[in-house]
Amino acid sequence: MRRSKLLGSVMGATLAVLTVGAAAAEAATSKAPPPLNAGTLSGAFLSARSAERDNDFGSAINFYRQALTFDPKNTELRQSLLLVLLTDGQFKQALPIAEELKAVPEIERFSRLALGIDAMNRKQYQKVNTLMMLSLQSDLDRMITGLISAWAKAGAGKPNEALSMIAKLEGPEGFNLFKTYNSALIADMAGQKDKAAKFYQDAIDDKVSVAAAPDTYERLVEAFASFKFRNGDRDGAVALIQQASEMLSGRMVLTEFGKEIADAKTVKPLIQTPQQGAAEVLYTIATAIDRNGAEAFSKLYLQMSLPLRPDNDATLFQLGDISAKLEQPEKAIDYFGRIPADSPYSRDAKMQLAINLAILKRNDEAIAELNSLLGSNPQDMRTYLAIGSIYSQDKNFRQAAETYDKAVAALANPKREDWSIYYQRGIAYERLKEWDKAEPNFLKALDLYPDQPQVLNYLGYSWIDMNMKLEQGLDLIKKAVAARPQDGYIVDSLGWAYYRLGRYDEAVAQLEQAVKLRAEDATINDHLGDAYWRAGRKLEATFQWAHARDSKPEPEDLAKIEEKLKNGLPHEKDPGVAKNGTETPKPPVEPAPAPAPDKKG
């Protein structure tokens, strides 16, 4: 019973294809399936809501349109249709509905924003300012409308008025970065170098914002580095990027941009038009609110930024990332695949594209993409981790081990961050039952990163499983639990270690806690059932096994669970039967650690 997850957190980059324009931007949206006829207003409405909850926006649009045929004037239905059209990137189709709803207070924040974006694209700057006046405003709405209005003022040739508008914007302290950043961009575009330099520096000095809005800070670094370069300070630009790369660990975009700056003869401003500036407002707000559970909301703002700047690689990358989070790998592949080869996002996009190919079981294509990345940078450990993870997911541990062997050979001086290469190589060799090769890798991982919980857990459990170094192994797992007390898988390992040692009451206590943390996990429920049985609590054991059976275990595990439900566990003293009465599972294998593209997990 081994758990492994695909390397969903590894960074990546895409096929080298040309960036497409606005028409293609909408081509990436959901293609509604052949229309299904709900037949009634309530049926269409409920079907639309269900599709929306499943992030199936194409079907939701279809059902909302059906519902409106029964009740064409229903404001709630039109509001819902507007939102899913915008979230799905069908901006032009949303505009007529936005016009109808622009005076409805409950939806004006989106209807008037959509109309304002359209007006901004048409360079109707006074109209933009009028549309950005809302009757109901949250702090977030005030920031968005205020910044877009400022960009409209800048577009009208009034940069000083734009800067004054931003200065007067009120809101939480966390908005300061957005205000200062946009002020810097407007001053930069207007050629007000002294003002721009001060705004840029003030924003860079706002270190609190690195954690709160890392994507915005990354864009700020790119913009300021470009400003420095264009004003004769190449060394300052390179130094700024190097400093930011240390603060924003794992951001390969900055690394790639740093290389570009170091070798470039000319560098363009990050923002060159008011339209791009307004798009930047929506992009930075979208990434700042992109947290667990808010992906669709973030996607809405990202999609609304694309009509203003359809070739924005940063937006395409974020849309790919969110599509992957929403379990839409085909869409993710499309977005990542539209990022051109000369973009700083290209390498990361290729890797993410490969990972999503692997999710679709297109492993040969995925590995080919990743091998092409190794061809250009054989020292990129993230790529080895991604390839090894795909092989491991297919239980091809020999190929995984060989991949990690190549990674180790490419490491001149292993550092703390390279612990995962040795950890994953240890797992591959352990699965191949080559413990003499596995153990040194776990020990090397701990040498690089002492007390790393995953390694402590796996090594400690392996020792106990092989009936060697029992107390030392138990101590390692206890350390792992102390470091991650809310990790149900690691707590499960401690409980199962007690079980293997015949300490059933202690096993029950730990496994009950593990089930609380991972109630849906079939293996942990199965473990608790075994522990209950050995502790003499056979009725509870039967209940727990039944729960494990209903939690979608692997087919080979399901057969064993059903056998236990029928006959219980064999007697411990039966010849040839281990204390657990079943094949011993290994601790769960977490994805090979690597920095995630959205930095938020």
Foldseek 3Di string as FASTA:
>chain_A
DFFEDAQQFFFFFQDFDAFDALVVLLVLFQDADDADQLPALVSLCVQLVVCVVLVVLSNNLSSLVNNCVVPVVDPVSLLVNLLSCLLRLVLVVNQVSLVVCCPPQVRVLPSLLSVLLVCVVVLVLVSNLVSLDHPDDDLLSLLLSQLLNLLSCLSVVNNVVSLVSLVPRDDDPLCLLVSLLLNLVSCVLVVVLVSNLVSLVVSQVPLVVCVQQVVSNVVSLLQVLLSCVVVPNLVVNLVSLVVSCVVVPFAQLSVLSSVCSVPDPHDDHPDNGSLLSSLSSLLRVLLSPPAVPCLSVSSSSLSSSCVSPVRPLSSLQSNLSSCVVSVNLVSSLVSSHSNHPSHSSRGSSLLSNLSSCLVVVVNVVSLVSLVVSCVVPVQPVSSLLNNLSSCVVVVVLVVSLVSLVSNVVSDPDDALVCLLSLQSNLVSCVSVVNNVSNVVSLVVSCVRPPLPLVSLQQVLLVCLVVVHPLVSSLVSLVSSCVVPVLQLLSLLSNLVSCQLVVVLVSSLVSLVSSCVSVVLALVSLQSNLLSCVSVVNNVSSLVSLVSSLVSDDDPVVNVVSVVCNVPNADDCPDPPAGSSRDDDYGGYDYRRDHHGPSNND
